[in-house]
């Protein structure tokens, strides 16, 4: 039994030595060359003109878990002054936006008024056109219902273009009776214009 215990102790010493030698090999092969490369890189960057210290500090400060000392360095009065200045600039911007909004609302109201006026004008024009059409139809109907000789006398007194319009709107029988009683030269001219259209 004593021999077995001595063998086990011997084996455990060898295992411990193997583990320690592996760690030393790892340090010598990996860690030392990496550290040497980093030191060499920092020295070369320094000689090339890069400020390695400031760059490293800026990188560390940009990390979320590293607290910045800049806020603590600002005096309270300066901080309050900055906030007041920001507040004034925000109030000025709000005033500008309110003015722009008021101008836009005014332009919108003017545009709506113009649109309303245009719609009213269109309605008035449509009503005027409908009224003119109704009046024209009434005159044509009246001329057709009169005796042919009375209608012919009226047609002779009208401007020729207007007479052509009324006669063209009549039915063929009424037109024929009225034209037969108009002075021949005027009747020929009116018929000529009606046939051209």
C-alpha atoms as a PDB file:
ATOM      1  CA  UNK A   1       0.000   0.000   0.000  1.00  0.00           C
ATOM      2  CA  UNK A   2       2.829   2.331   0.709  1.00  0.00           C
ATOM      3  CA  UNK A   3       4.120   1.829  -2.774  1.00  0.00           C
ATOM      4  CA  UNK A   4       0.726   2.583  -4.325  1.00  0.00           C
ATOM      5  CA  UNK A   5       0.414   5.826  -2.343  1.00  0.00           C
ATOM      6  CA  UNK A   6       3.887   6.833  -3.428  1.00  0.00           C
ATOM      7  CA  UNK A   7       2.930   6.157  -7.061  1.00  0.00           C
ATOM      8  CA  UNK A   8      -0.241   8.207  -6.738  1.00  0.00           C
ATOM      9  CA  UNK A   9       1.642  11.118  -5.222  1.00  0.00           C
ATOM     10  CA  UNK A  10       4.236  10.824  -7.942  1.00  0.00           C
ATOM     11  CA  UNK A  11       1.493  10.812 -10.646  1.00  0.00           C
ATOM     12  CA  UNK A  12      -0.255  13.840  -9.117  1.00  0.00           C
ATOM     13  CA  UNK A  13       3.034  15.753  -9.056  1.00  0.00           C
ATOM     14  CA  UNK A  14       3.603  14.901 -12.706  1.00  0.00           C
ATOM     15  CA  UNK A  15       0.056  16.029 -13.626  1.00  0.00           C
ATOM     16  CA  UNK A  16       0.533  19.302 -11.754  1.00  0.00           C
ATOM     17  CA  UNK A  17       3.873  19.855 -13.479  1.00  0.00           C
ATOM     18  CA  UNK A  18       2.263  19.134 -16.879  1.00  0.00           C
ATOM     19  CA  UNK A  19      -0.522  21.666 -16.199  1.00  0.00           C
ATOM     20  CA  UNK A  20       1.982  24.291 -15.075  1.00  0.00           C
ATOM     21  CA  UNK A  21       4.140  23.672 -18.124  1.00  0.00           C
ATOM     22  CA  UNK A  22       1.091  24.055 -20.402  1.00  0.00           C
ATOM     23  CA  UNK A  23       0.235  27.419 -18.780  1.00  0.00           C
ATOM     24  CA  UNK A  24       3.834  28.575 -19.191  1.00  0.00           C
ATOM     25  CA  UNK A  25       3.865  27.495 -22.839  1.00  0.00           C
ATOM     26  CA  UNK A  26       0.572  29.350 -23.407  1.00  0.00           C
ATOM     27  CA  UNK A  27       1.988  32.488 -21.776  1.00  0.00           C
ATOM     28  CA  UNK A  28       5.215  32.302 -23.770  1.00  0.00           C
ATOM     29  CA  UNK A  29       3.593  31.468 -27.119  1.00  0.00           C
ATOM     30  CA  UNK A  30       0.441  33.641 -27.000  1.00  0.00           C
ATOM     31  CA  UNK A  31       0.291  36.278 -24.240  1.00  0.00           C
ATOM     32  CA  UNK A  32       3.873  37.596 -24.377  1.00  0.00           C
ATOM     33  CA  UNK A  33       3.910  38.108 -28.188  1.00  0.00           C
ATOM     34  CA  UNK A  34       0.502  39.826 -28.074  1.00  0.00           C
ATOM     35  CA  UNK A  35       1.650  42.203 -25.323  1.00  0.00           C
ATOM     36  CA  UNK A  36       4.874  42.887 -27.213  1.00  0.00           C
ATOM     37  CA  UNK A  37       2.898  43.636 -30.405  1.00  0.00           C
ATOM     38  CA  UNK A  38       0.609  46.044 -28.501  1.00  0.00           C
ATOM     39  CA  UNK A  39       3.535  47.914 -26.954  1.00  0.00           C
ATOM     40  CA  UNK A  40       5.230  48.115 -30.347  1.00  0.00           C
ATOM     41  CA  UNK A  41       2.015  49.397 -31.989  1.00  0.00           C
ATOM     42  CA  UNK A  42       1.543  52.114 -29.330  1.00  0.00           C
ATOM     43  CA  UNK A  43       5.159  53.277 -29.720  1.00  0.00           C
ATOM     44  CA  UNK A  44       4.867  53.391 -33.521  1.00  0.00           C
ATOM     45  CA  UNK A  45       1.590  55.299 -33.383  1.00  0.00           C
ATOM     46  CA  UNK A  46       3.107  57.790 -30.976  1.00  0.00           C
ATOM     47  CA  UNK A  47       6.041  58.422 -33.339  1.00  0.00           C
ATOM     48  CA  UNK A  48       3.662  58.740 -36.302  1.00  0.00           C
ATOM     49  CA  UNK A  49       1.896  61.625 -34.556  1.00  0.00           C
ATOM     50  CA  UNK A  50      -1.163  59.978 -33.064  1.00  0.00           C
ATOM     51  CA  UNK A  51      -2.088  60.997 -29.540  1.00  0.00           C
ATOM     52  CA  UNK A  52      -2.665  57.512 -28.186  1.00  0.00           C
ATOM     53  CA  UNK A  53      -3.535  58.635 -24.647  1.00  0.00           C
ATOM     54  CA  UNK A  54      -6.357  60.992 -25.734  1.00  0.00           C
ATOM     55  CA  UNK A  55      -7.698  58.480 -28.217  1.00  0.00           C
ATOM     56  CA  UNK A  56      -7.801  55.745 -25.575  1.00  0.00           C
ATOM     57  CA  UNK A  57      -9.479  58.107 -23.079  1.00  0.00           C
ATOM     58  CA  UNK A  58     -12.117  59.119 -25.674  1.00  0.00           C
ATOM     59  CA  UNK A  59     -12.792  55.482 -26.498  1.00  0.00           C
ATOM     60  CA  UNK A  60     -13.175  54.623 -22.819  1.00  0.00           C
ATOM     61  CA  UNK A  61     -15.526  57.571 -22.249  1.00  0.00           C
ATOM     62  CA  UNK A  62     -17.721  56.488 -25.151  1.00  0.00           C
ATOM     63  CA  UNK A  63     -18.366  53.173 -23.438  1.00  0.00           C
ATOM     64  CA  UNK A  64     -21.755  53.175 -21.674  1.00  0.00           C
ATOM     65  CA  UNK A  65     -20.473  51.840 -18.357  1.00  0.00           C
ATOM     66  CA  UNK A  66     -17.681  54.427 -18.001  1.00  0.00           C
ATOM     67  CA  UNK A  67     -18.885  57.621 -16.332  1.00  0.00           C
ATOM     68  CA  UNK A  68     -17.749  60.924 -17.770  1.00  0.00           C
ATOM     69  CA  UNK A  69     -16.300  63.599 -15.522  1.00  0.00           C
ATOM     70  CA  UNK A  70     -17.200  66.429 -17.930  1.00  0.00           C
ATOM     71  CA  UNK A  71     -20.642  67.016 -16.431  1.00  0.00           C
ATOM     72  CA  UNK A  72     -19.101  67.343 -12.972  1.00  0.00           C
ATOM     73  CA  UNK A  73     -16.575  69.908 -14.223  1.00  0.00           C
ATOM     74  CA  UNK A  74     -19.244  72.393 -15.409  1.00  0.00           C
ATOM     75  CA  UNK A  75     -20.124  74.891 -12.689  1.00  0.00           C
ATOM     76  CA  UNK A  76     -23.753  75.044 -11.683  1.00  0.00           C
ATOM     77  CA  UNK A  77     -24.161  78.708 -12.772  1.00  0.00           C
ATOM     78  CA  UNK A  78     -22.831  77.941 -16.247  1.00  0.00           C
ATOM     79  CA  UNK A  79     -25.121  74.922 -16.484  1.00  0.00           C
ATOM     80  CA  UNK A  80     -28.132  77.064 -15.499  1.00  0.00           C
ATOM     81  CA  UNK A  81     -27.088  79.725 -18.040  1.00  0.00           C
ATOM     82  CA  UNK A  82     -26.873  77.080 -20.765  1.00  0.00           C
ATOM     83  CA  UNK A  83     -30.317  75.762 -19.893  1.00  0.00           C
ATOM     84  CA  UNK A  84     -31.775  79.298 -19.929  1.00  0.00           C
ATOM     85  CA  UNK A  85     -30.183  79.941 -23.326  1.00  0.00           C
ATOM     86  CA  UNK A  86     -31.609  76.692 -24.704  1.00  0.00           C
ATOM     87  CA  UNK A  87     -34.996  77.588 -23.240  1.00  0.00           C
ATOM     88  CA  UNK A  88     -34.906  81.017 -24.945  1.00  0.00           C
ATOM     89  CA  UNK A  89     -33.972  79.487 -28.290  1.00  0.00           C
ATOM     90  CA  UNK A  90     -36.805  76.936 -27.928  1.00  0.00           C
ATOM     91  CA  UNK A  91     -39.270  79.722 -27.097  1.00  0.00           C
ATOM     92  CA  UNK A  92     -38.069  81.700 -30.118  1.00  0.00           C
ATOM     93  CA  UNK A  93     -38.483  78.652 -32.353  1.00  0.00           C
ATOM     94  CA  UNK A  94     -41.989  78.070 -30.944  1.00  0.00           C
ATOM     95  CA  UNK A  95     -42.884  81.712 -31.683  1.00  0.00           C
ATOM     96  CA  UNK A  96     -41.597  81.332 -35.265  1.00  0.00           C
ATOM     97  CA  UNK A  97     -43.608  78.146 -35.736  1.00  0.00           C
ATOM     98  CA  UNK A  98     -46.741  79.795 -34.318  1.00  0.00           C
ATOM     99  CA  UNK A  99     -46.308  82.728 -36.731  1.00  0.00           C
ATOM    100  CA  UNK A 100     -45.836  80.339 -39.649  1.00  0.00           C
ATOM    101  CA  UNK A 101     -48.928  78.398 -38.552  1.00  0.00           C
ATOM    102  CA  UNK A 102     -50.983  81.609 -38.335  1.00  0.00           C
ATOM    103  CA  UNK A 103     -49.805  82.629 -41.839  1.00  0.00           C
ATOM    104  CA  UNK A 104     -50.675  79.196 -43.199  1.00  0.00           C
ATOM    105  CA  UNK A 105     -54.133  79.314 -41.600  1.00  0.00           C
ATOM    106  CA  UNK A 106     -54.717  82.772 -43.084  1.00  0.00           C
ATOM    107  CA  UNK A 107     -53.657  81.561 -46.548  1.00  0.00           C
ATOM    108  CA  UNK A 108     -55.953  78.555 -46.158  1.00  0.00           C
ATOM    109  CA  UNK A 109     -58.895  80.793 -45.240  1.00  0.00           C
ATOM    110  CA  UNK A 110     -58.209  83.026 -48.272  1.00  0.00           C
ATOM    111  CA  UNK A 111     -58.003  79.976 -50.536  1.00  0.00           C
ATOM    112  CA  UNK A 112     -61.304  78.664 -49.128  1.00  0.00           C
ATOM    113  CA  UNK A 113     -62.953  82.054 -49.686  1.00  0.00           C
ATOM    114  CA  UNK A 114     -61.675  82.133 -53.284  1.00  0.00           C
ATOM    115  CA  UNK A 115     -62.940  78.597 -53.850  1.00  0.00           C
ATOM    116  CA  UNK A 116     -66.337  79.520 -52.391  1.00  0.00           C
ATOM    117  CA  UNK A 117     -66.494  82.627 -54.617  1.00  0.00           C
ATOM    118  CA  UNK A 118     -65.558  80.578 -57.700  1.00  0.00           C
ATOM    119  CA  UNK A 119     -68.203  77.987 -56.877  1.00  0.00           C
ATOM    120  CA  UNK A 120     -70.792  80.761 -56.460  1.00  0.00           C
ATOM    121  CA  UNK A 121     -69.716  82.319 -59.775  1.00  0.00           C
ATOM    122  CA  UNK A 122     -70.044  78.942 -61.498  1.00  0.00           C
ATOM    123  CA  UNK A 123     -73.492  78.459 -59.979  1.00  0.00           C
ATOM    124  CA  UNK A 124     -74.510  81.970 -61.081  1.00  0.00           C
ATOM    125  CA  UNK A 125     -73.202  81.312 -64.584  1.00  0.00           C
ATOM    126  CA  UNK A 126     -75.079  78.013 -64.744  1.00  0.00           C
ATOM    127  CA  UNK A 127     -78.249  79.708 -63.523  1.00  0.00           C
ATOM    128  CA  UNK A 128     -77.768  82.520 -66.057  1.00  0.00           C
ATOM    129  CA  UNK A 129     -77.207  79.996 -68.845  1.00  0.00           C
ATOM    130  CA  UNK A 130     -80.279  78.018 -67.789  1.00  0.00           C
ATOM    131  CA  UNK A 131     -82.313  81.229 -67.630  1.00  0.00           C
ATOM    132  CA  UNK A 132     -81.074  82.341 -71.066  1.00  0.00           C
ATOM    133  CA  UNK A 133     -81.941  78.916 -72.508  1.00  0.00           C
ATOM    134  CA  UNK A 134     -85.381  79.058 -70.928  1.00  0.00           C
ATOM    135  CA  UNK A 135     -85.944  82.596 -72.272  1.00  0.00           C
ATOM    136  CA  UNK A 136     -84.788  81.534 -75.734  1.00  0.00           C
ATOM    137  CA  UNK A 137     -87.143  78.537 -75.690  1.00  0.00           C
ATOM    138  CA  UNK A 138     -89.997  80.790 -74.557  1.00  0.00           C
ATOM    139  CA  UNK A 139     -89.402  83.190 -77.483  1.00  0.00           C
ATOM    140  CA  UNK A 140     -89.264  80.311 -79.975  1.00  0.00           C
ATOM    141  CA  UNK A 141     -92.472  78.797 -78.554  1.00  0.00           C
ATOM    142  CA  UNK A 142     -94.200  82.185 -78.647  1.00  0.00           C
ATOM    143  CA  UNK A 143     -93.207  82.770 -82.281  1.00  0.00           C
ATOM    144  CA  UNK A 144     -94.434  79.296 -83.240  1.00  0.00           C
ATOM    145  CA  UNK A 145     -97.807  79.811 -81.529  1.00  0.00           C
ATOM    146  CA  UNK A 146     -98.413  83.199 -83.215  1.00  0.00           C
ATOM    147  CA  UNK A 147     -99.938  83.463 -86.647  1.00  0.00           C
ATOM    148  CA  UNK A 148     -97.348  83.077 -89.393  1.00  0.00           C
ATOM    149  CA  UNK A 149     -97.885  86.635 -90.700  1.00  0.00           C
ATOM    150  CA  UNK A 150     -97.436  88.207 -87.233  1.00  0.00           C
ATOM    151  CA  UNK A 151     -94.323  86.100 -86.543  1.00  0.00           C
ATOM    152  CA  UNK A 152     -92.938  87.068 -89.984  1.00  0.00           C
ATOM    153  CA  UNK A 153     -93.337  90.776 -89.191  1.00  0.00           C
ATOM    154  CA  UNK A 154     -91.420  90.327 -85.928  1.00  0.00           C
ATOM    155  CA  UNK A 155     -88.657  88.266 -87.593  1.00  0.00           C
ATOM    156  CA  UNK A 156     -88.191  90.990 -90.212  1.00  0.00           C
ATOM    157  CA  UNK A 157     -87.577  93.543 -87.441  1.00  0.00           C
ATOM    158  CA  UNK A 158     -84.957  91.393 -85.634  1.00  0.00           C
ATOM    159  CA  UNK A 159     -81.231  91.444 -86.468  1.00  0.00           C
ATOM    160  CA  UNK A 160     -80.656  88.782 -89.113  1.00  0.00           C
ATOM    161  CA  UNK A 161     -78.340  86.615 -86.938  1.00  0.00           C
ATOM    162  CA  UNK A 162     -80.924  86.548 -84.153  1.00  0.00           C
ATOM    163  CA  UNK A 163     -83.727  85.754 -86.616  1.00  0.00           C
ATOM    164  CA  UNK A 164     -81.662  82.801 -87.930  1.00  0.00           C
ATOM    165  CA  UNK A 165     -81.207  81.471 -84.379  1.00  0.00           C
ATOM    166  CA  UNK A 166     -84.959  81.591 -83.607  1.00  0.00           C
ATOM    167  CA  UNK A 167     -85.991  80.055 -86.939  1.00  0.00           C
ATOM    168  CA  UNK A 168     -83.405  77.277 -86.666  1.00  0.00           C
ATOM    169  CA  UNK A 169     -84.838  76.290 -83.228  1.00  0.00           C
ATOM    170  CA  UNK A 170     -88.413  76.009 -84.578  1.00  0.00           C
ATOM    171  CA  UNK A 171     -90.007  72.908 -86.001  1.00  0.00           C
ATOM    172  CA  UNK A 172     -89.909  72.638 -89.808  1.00  0.00           C
ATOM    173  CA  UNK A 173     -93.643  73.394 -90.439  1.00  0.00           C
ATOM    174  CA  UNK A 174     -93.717  76.585 -88.347  1.00  0.00           C
ATOM    175  CA  UNK A 175     -90.436  77.745 -89.903  1.00  0.00           C
ATOM    176  CA  UNK A 176     -91.760  77.165 -93.434  1.00  0.00           C
ATOM    177  CA  UNK A 177     -94.956  79.138 -92.791  1.00  0.00           C
ATOM    178  CA  UNK A 178     -93.072  82.091 -91.258  1.00  0.00           C
ATOM    179  CA  UNK A 179     -90.377  82.211 -93.970  1.00  0.00           C
ATOM    180  CA  UNK A 180     -93.065  82.112 -96.690  1.00  0.00           C
ATOM    181  CA  UNK A 181     -94.386  85.425 -95.384  1.00  0.00           C
ATOM    182  CA  UNK A 182     -90.985  87.202 -95.035  1.00  0.00           C
ATOM    183  CA  UNK A 183     -89.646  89.542 -97.723  1.00  0.00           C
ATOM    184  CA  UNK A 184     -88.005  87.314-100.403  1.00  0.00           C
ATOM    185  CA  UNK A 185     -84.442  88.749-100.168  1.00  0.00           C
ATOM    186  CA  UNK A 186     -84.366  88.396 -96.361  1.00  0.00           C
ATOM    187  CA  UNK A 187     -85.947  84.936 -96.560  1.00  0.00           C
ATOM    188  CA  UNK A 188     -83.294  83.835 -99.074  1.00  0.00           C
ATOM    189  CA  UNK A 189     -80.477  85.113 -96.839  1.00  0.00           C
ATOM    190  CA  UNK A 190     -81.965  83.430 -93.731  1.00  0.00           C
ATOM    191  CA  UNK A 191     -82.443  80.119 -95.561  1.00  0.00           C
ATOM    192  CA  UNK A 192     -78.901  80.350 -96.855  1.00  0.00           C
ATOM    193  CA  UNK A 193     -77.516  80.736 -93.303  1.00  0.00           C
ATOM    194  CA  UNK A 194     -79.738  77.961 -91.929  1.00  0.00           C
ATOM    195  CA  UNK A 195     -78.637  75.547 -94.692  1.00  0.00           C
ATOM    196  CA  UNK A 196     -74.926  76.435 -94.171  1.00  0.00           C
ATOM    197  CA  UNK A 197     -75.093  75.260 -90.573  1.00  0.00           C
END
